[in-house]
Each structure stands twice: as C-alpha cells, then as structure tokens.
Amino acid sequence: MTVAPERPAIATRRGRDLASEQDFRMLADFCADEYGLEQGVADRIMDQALALAYVMGTTRAGDVMAPSETVDPGWHTLILHTQWYEKWCTEQFGYFLHHAPKSKMRTNGLMQDVKARIATEGFEVDERLWPKAAECNAPTCCGDGPCC
C-alpha cells in the first residue's frame, strides 16, 4: 500500500497584505469615515478593493471587471488617494490603472466572474461583499434570471 504524501495547504492571499499596515489603516479609516461604515466593515471592503485592483492591474482586465456596489466605496477610496494609488499601481503592476465606471453593468454574471477572477489569483473572497445584483433596470438587465 502506498500513501500519497500530504501537500501543504496553500495559504490564501489577502488584499490588505498588498499595503503596509499603516497604509491599510489610512485607507480603511478614510473609507469608514467617508462612507459612514463601521470600522470592521470598512476593513473588509478595503481588503476586497485592494485584491480587486491588484487583479485588474496584473491581469489587465480592468475593462471587464467592476466592484460590487458594496466594494465600490473601497475602490473609490483607492482612487481618491491619488498620490498613494499612483505609486501603489506602479509598484504592483507597472502602470496606472484608471477608473472606468461600470456601475450600470453590475450583473449577476459579472459579479460571479469578478469573484472567480479574484479567487483564481489566490485571494480570499468575502462572499458577503459580492452579492448578486439587486435590481434590474432596463437596458442593463442581463437576463440571468427574472432580474439581473
């Protein structure tokens, strides 16, 4: 009888680890204050926003990805800190990842794809922050069910 050697579990990455603790605190505190969020929620949102931005930048998929409505305050927190964000983009993936709003395209299919892309790159996905699209307003209905 042969026994297969155990493979060590691969640690999942966290978005928050893409910034120093001091920088993460600065961003998460701003997100909490600016958007009226509890600190723990703002921390989770910033973690996911950093992972999202990193995946968009490293895979050059910024034109086909978007944050959920819940993660959007974290994405805006990043881009509002222009000097920090520009330096971070350059260090992480070598170019400035511009903001290209797609809020009208937040479909169930898109959110599932974004979550899958983040997970594929090894990041934890906080499922509670990536809900299905809540409303369907023509002409943006995607047809993923009775409502987007």
C-alpha atoms as a PDB file:
ATOM      1  CA  MET A   1       0.000   0.000   0.000  1.00  0.00           C
ATOM      2  CA  THR A   2       1.393   3.365  -0.968  1.00  0.00           C
ATOM      3  CA  VAL A   3       0.467   6.532   0.760  1.00  0.00           C
ATOM      4  CA  ALA A   4       0.495   9.767  -1.160  1.00  0.00           C
ATOM      5  CA  PRO A   5       2.463  12.468   0.598  1.00  0.00           C
ATOM      6  CA  GLU A   6       0.329  15.234   2.011  1.00  0.00           C
ATOM      7  CA  ARG A   7       0.532  18.503   0.177  1.00  0.00           C
ATOM      8  CA  PRO A   8       0.777  21.574   2.337  1.00  0.00           C
ATOM      9  CA  ALA A   9      -2.293  23.766   2.206  1.00  0.00           C
ATOM     10  CA  ILE A  10      -1.792  26.810   0.037  1.00  0.00           C
ATOM     11  CA  ALA A  11      -2.391  29.942   2.027  1.00  0.00           C
ATOM     12  CA  THR A  12      -4.944  32.270   0.528  1.00  0.00           C
ATOM     13  CA  ARG A  13      -3.764  35.810  -0.073  1.00  0.00           C
ATOM     14  CA  ARG A  14      -5.421  38.846   1.443  1.00  0.00           C
ATOM     15  CA  GLY A  15      -5.849  42.165  -0.311  1.00  0.00           C
ATOM     16  CA  ARG A  16      -4.882  44.021   2.832  1.00  0.00           C
ATOM     17  CA  ASP A  17      -1.412  42.478   2.623  1.00  0.00           C
ATOM     18  CA  LEU A  18      -0.775  44.421  -0.590  1.00  0.00           C
ATOM     19  CA  ALA A  19      -0.305  47.574   1.500  1.00  0.00           C
ATOM     20  CA  SER A  20       1.666  48.279   4.637  1.00  0.00           C
ATOM     21  CA  GLU A  21      -0.353  48.095   7.836  1.00  0.00           C
ATOM     22  CA  GLN A  22      -0.045  51.880   8.191  1.00  0.00           C
ATOM     23  CA  ASP A  23      -1.307  52.477   4.650  1.00  0.00           C
ATOM     24  CA  PHE A  24      -4.095  49.941   5.043  1.00  0.00           C
ATOM     25  CA  ARG A  25      -5.224  51.689   8.240  1.00  0.00           C
ATOM     26  CA  MET A  26      -5.162  55.072   6.480  1.00  0.00           C
ATOM     27  CA  LEU A  27      -7.332  53.741   3.653  1.00  0.00           C
ATOM     28  CA  ALA A  28      -9.728  51.752   5.826  1.00  0.00           C
ATOM     29  CA  ASP A  29     -10.160  54.644   8.281  1.00  0.00           C
ATOM     30  CA  PHE A  30     -10.931  57.013   5.409  1.00  0.00           C
ATOM     31  CA  CYS A  31     -13.410  54.517   3.950  1.00  0.00           C
ATOM     32  CA  ALA A  32     -15.174  54.199   7.307  1.00  0.00           C
ATOM     33  CA  ASP A  33     -15.346  57.967   7.827  1.00  0.00           C
ATOM     34  CA  GLU A  34     -16.210  58.945   4.254  1.00  0.00           C
ATOM     35  CA  TYR A  35     -18.929  56.353   3.741  1.00  0.00           C
ATOM     36  CA  GLY A  36     -20.286  56.099   7.300  1.00  0.00           C
ATOM     37  CA  LEU A  37     -19.238  52.475   7.757  1.00  0.00           C
ATOM     38  CA  GLU A  38     -18.379  50.530  10.872  1.00  0.00           C
ATOM     39  CA  GLN A  39     -14.615  50.018  11.068  1.00  0.00           C
ATOM     40  CA  GLY A  40     -14.782  46.241  10.698  1.00  0.00           C
ATOM     41  CA  VAL A  41     -16.907  46.564   7.560  1.00  0.00           C
ATOM     42  CA  ALA A  42     -14.573  49.195   6.106  1.00  0.00           C
ATOM     43  CA  ASP A  43     -11.605  46.883   6.776  1.00  0.00           C
ATOM     44  CA  ARG A  44     -13.310  44.049   4.862  1.00  0.00           C
ATOM     45  CA  ILE A  45     -14.258  46.373   1.998  1.00  0.00           C
ATOM     46  CA  MET A  46     -10.707  47.729   1.666  1.00  0.00           C
ATOM     47  CA  ASP A  47      -9.305  44.200   1.707  1.00  0.00           C
ATOM     48  CA  GLN A  48     -11.528  43.267  -1.239  1.00  0.00           C
ATOM     49  CA  ALA A  49     -10.936  46.561  -3.071  1.00  0.00           C
ATOM     50  CA  LEU A  50      -7.162  46.054  -2.934  1.00  0.00           C
ATOM     51  CA  ALA A  51      -7.490  42.479  -4.192  1.00  0.00           C
ATOM     52  CA  LEU A  52      -9.808  43.659  -6.987  1.00  0.00           C
ATOM     53  CA  ALA A  53      -7.482  46.470  -8.077  1.00  0.00           C
ATOM     54  CA  TYR A  54      -4.481  44.143  -7.991  1.00  0.00           C
ATOM     55  CA  VAL A  55      -6.204  41.517 -10.124  1.00  0.00           C
ATOM     56  CA  MET A  56      -7.455  44.147 -12.570  1.00  0.00           C
ATOM     57  CA  GLY A  57      -3.944  45.554 -12.850  1.00  0.00           C
ATOM     58  CA  THR A  58      -1.915  42.364 -13.040  1.00  0.00           C
ATOM     59  CA  THR A  59      -4.253  40.628 -15.479  1.00  0.00           C
ATOM     60  CA  ARG A  60      -5.028  43.805 -17.439  1.00  0.00           C
ATOM     61  CA  ALA A  61      -8.706  43.002 -17.047  1.00  0.00           C
ATOM     62  CA  GLY A  62      -9.795  46.409 -15.764  1.00  0.00           C
ATOM     63  CA  ASP A  63     -12.018  46.866 -18.792  1.00  0.00           C
ATOM     64  CA  VAL A  64     -14.073  43.764 -17.970  1.00  0.00           C
ATOM     65  CA  MET A  65     -14.159  43.898 -14.170  1.00  0.00           C
ATOM     66  CA  ALA A  66     -16.046  46.075 -11.701  1.00  0.00           C
ATOM     67  CA  PRO A  67     -16.533  46.180  -7.936  1.00  0.00           C
ATOM     68  CA  SER A  68     -19.802  45.151  -6.369  1.00  0.00           C
ATOM     69  CA  GLU A  69     -21.909  48.008  -5.066  1.00  0.00           C
ATOM     70  CA  THR A  70     -20.679  47.057  -1.595  1.00  0.00           C
ATOM     71  CA  VAL A  71     -16.971  47.084  -2.551  1.00  0.00           C
ATOM     72  CA  ASP A  72     -17.288  50.289  -4.608  1.00  0.00           C
ATOM     73  CA  PRO A  73     -16.539  52.604  -1.624  1.00  0.00           C
ATOM     74  CA  GLY A  74     -13.200  50.821  -1.235  1.00  0.00           C
ATOM     75  CA  TRP A  75     -12.389  51.236  -4.937  1.00  0.00           C
ATOM     76  CA  HIS A  76     -13.248  54.938  -4.665  1.00  0.00           C
ATOM     77  CA  THR A  77     -11.141  55.245  -1.520  1.00  0.00           C
ATOM     78  CA  LEU A  78      -8.155  53.981  -3.510  1.00  0.00           C
ATOM     79  CA  ILE A  79      -8.606  56.364  -6.407  1.00  0.00           C
ATOM     80  CA  LEU A  80      -9.298  59.338  -4.129  1.00  0.00           C
ATOM     81  CA  HIS A  81      -5.822  58.892  -2.631  1.00  0.00           C
ATOM     82  CA  THR A  82      -4.240  59.744  -5.969  1.00  0.00           C
ATOM     83  CA  GLN A  83      -0.587  60.013  -4.956  1.00  0.00           C
ATOM     84  CA  TRP A  84      -0.686  56.858  -2.870  1.00  0.00           C
ATOM     85  CA  TYR A  85      -2.696  54.982  -5.529  1.00  0.00           C
ATOM     86  CA  GLU A  86      -0.425  56.028  -8.408  1.00  0.00           C
ATOM     87  CA  LYS A  87       2.674  54.857  -6.526  1.00  0.00           C
ATOM     88  CA  TRP A  88       0.968  51.607  -5.491  1.00  0.00           C
ATOM     89  CA  CYS A  89      -0.127  50.832  -9.071  1.00  0.00           C
ATOM     90  CA  THR A  90       3.369  51.448 -10.390  1.00  0.00           C
ATOM     91  CA  GLU A  91       4.945  49.242  -7.714  1.00  0.00           C
ATOM     92  CA  GLN A  92       2.396  46.436  -8.050  1.00  0.00           C
ATOM     93  CA  PHE A  93       1.972  46.129 -11.811  1.00  0.00           C
ATOM     94  CA  GLY A  94       3.961  48.862 -13.537  1.00  0.00           C
ATOM     95  CA  TYR A  95       1.270  51.226 -14.784  1.00  0.00           C
ATOM     96  CA  PHE A  96      -1.564  53.427 -13.557  1.00  0.00           C
ATOM     97  CA  LEU A  97      -4.898  51.600 -13.506  1.00  0.00           C
ATOM     98  CA  HIS A  98      -7.507  54.193 -14.416  1.00  0.00           C
ATOM     99  CA  HIS A  99     -11.052  54.316 -13.127  1.00  0.00           C
ATOM    100  CA  ALA A 100     -13.536  53.252 -15.795  1.00  0.00           C
ATOM    101  CA  PRO A 101     -17.008  53.319 -14.200  1.00  0.00           C
ATOM    102  CA  LYS A 102     -19.243  50.354 -14.942  1.00  0.00           C
ATOM    103  CA  SER A 103     -21.899  50.651 -12.236  1.00  0.00           C
ATOM    104  CA  LYS A 104     -24.675  50.061 -14.775  1.00  0.00           C
ATOM    105  CA  MET A 105     -23.081  46.754 -15.724  1.00  0.00           C
ATOM    106  CA  ARG A 106     -23.160  45.110 -12.286  1.00  0.00           C
ATOM    107  CA  THR A 107     -24.915  41.945 -13.331  1.00  0.00           C
ATOM    108  CA  ASN A 108     -25.009  38.614 -11.540  1.00  0.00           C
ATOM    109  CA  GLY A 109     -22.820  37.163 -14.267  1.00  0.00           C
ATOM    110  CA  LEU A 110     -20.246  39.923 -13.968  1.00  0.00           C
ATOM    111  CA  MET A 111     -20.080  39.693 -10.167  1.00  0.00           C
ATOM    112  CA  GLN A 112     -19.631  35.906 -10.361  1.00  0.00           C
ATOM    113  CA  ASP A 113     -16.856  36.387 -12.932  1.00  0.00           C
ATOM    114  CA  VAL A 114     -15.099  39.025 -10.822  1.00  0.00           C
ATOM    115  CA  LYS A 115     -15.227  36.806  -7.727  1.00  0.00           C
ATOM    116  CA  ALA A 116     -13.845  33.893  -9.747  1.00  0.00           C
ATOM    117  CA  ARG A 117     -11.004  36.023 -11.133  1.00  0.00           C
ATOM    118  CA  ILE A 118     -10.059  37.211  -7.632  1.00  0.00           C
ATOM    119  CA  ALA A 119     -10.144  33.653  -6.278  1.00  0.00           C
ATOM    120  CA  THR A 120      -8.142  32.330  -9.246  1.00  0.00           C
ATOM    121  CA  GLU A 121      -5.380  34.789  -8.383  1.00  0.00           C
ATOM    122  CA  GLY A 122      -5.268  33.270  -4.886  1.00  0.00           C
ATOM    123  CA  PHE A 123      -7.145  35.900  -2.887  1.00  0.00           C
ATOM    124  CA  GLU A 124      -9.786  35.309  -0.248  1.00  0.00           C
ATOM    125  CA  VAL A 125     -13.222  36.325  -1.484  1.00  0.00           C
ATOM    126  CA  ASP A 126     -15.543  37.765   1.151  1.00  0.00           C
ATOM    127  CA  GLU A 127     -18.804  36.412  -0.284  1.00  0.00           C
ATOM    128  CA  ARG A 128     -20.927  38.789   1.797  1.00  0.00           C
ATOM    129  CA  LEU A 129     -19.398  41.754  -0.049  1.00  0.00           C
ATOM    130  CA  TRP A 130     -20.146  40.373  -3.520  1.00  0.00           C
ATOM    131  CA  PRO A 131     -23.922  39.908  -3.532  1.00  0.00           C
ATOM    132  CA  LYS A 132     -25.901  39.255  -6.645  1.00  0.00           C
ATOM    133  CA  ALA A 133     -27.105  42.320  -8.496  1.00  0.00           C
ATOM    134  CA  ALA A 134     -30.065  43.571  -6.505  1.00  0.00           C
ATOM    135  CA  GLU A 135     -32.037  45.413  -9.124  1.00  0.00           C
ATOM    136  CA  CYS A 136     -32.652  45.139 -12.802  1.00  0.00           C
ATOM    137  CA  ASN A 137     -33.159  48.403 -14.635  1.00  0.00           C
ATOM    138  CA  ALA A 138     -33.528  48.277 -18.387  1.00  0.00           C
ATOM    139  CA  PRO A 139     -31.481  48.443 -20.543  1.00  0.00           C
ATOM    140  CA  THR A 140     -28.893  46.901 -18.219  1.00  0.00           C
ATOM    141  CA  CYS A 141     -30.777  43.692 -17.459  1.00  0.00           C
ATOM    142  CA  CYS A 142     -28.505  40.787 -18.176  1.00  0.00           C
ATOM    143  CA  GLY A 143     -31.041  38.006 -18.433  1.00  0.00           C
ATOM    144  CA  ASP A 144     -29.519  35.872 -15.667  1.00  0.00           C
ATOM    145  CA  GLY A 145     -32.968  35.180 -14.278  1.00  0.00           C
ATOM    146  CA  PRO A 146     -36.148  37.111 -13.632  1.00  0.00           C
ATOM    147  CA  CYS A 147     -33.979  40.015 -12.586  1.00  0.00           C
ATOM    148  CA  CYS A 148     -30.280  40.566 -13.112  1.00  0.00           C
END
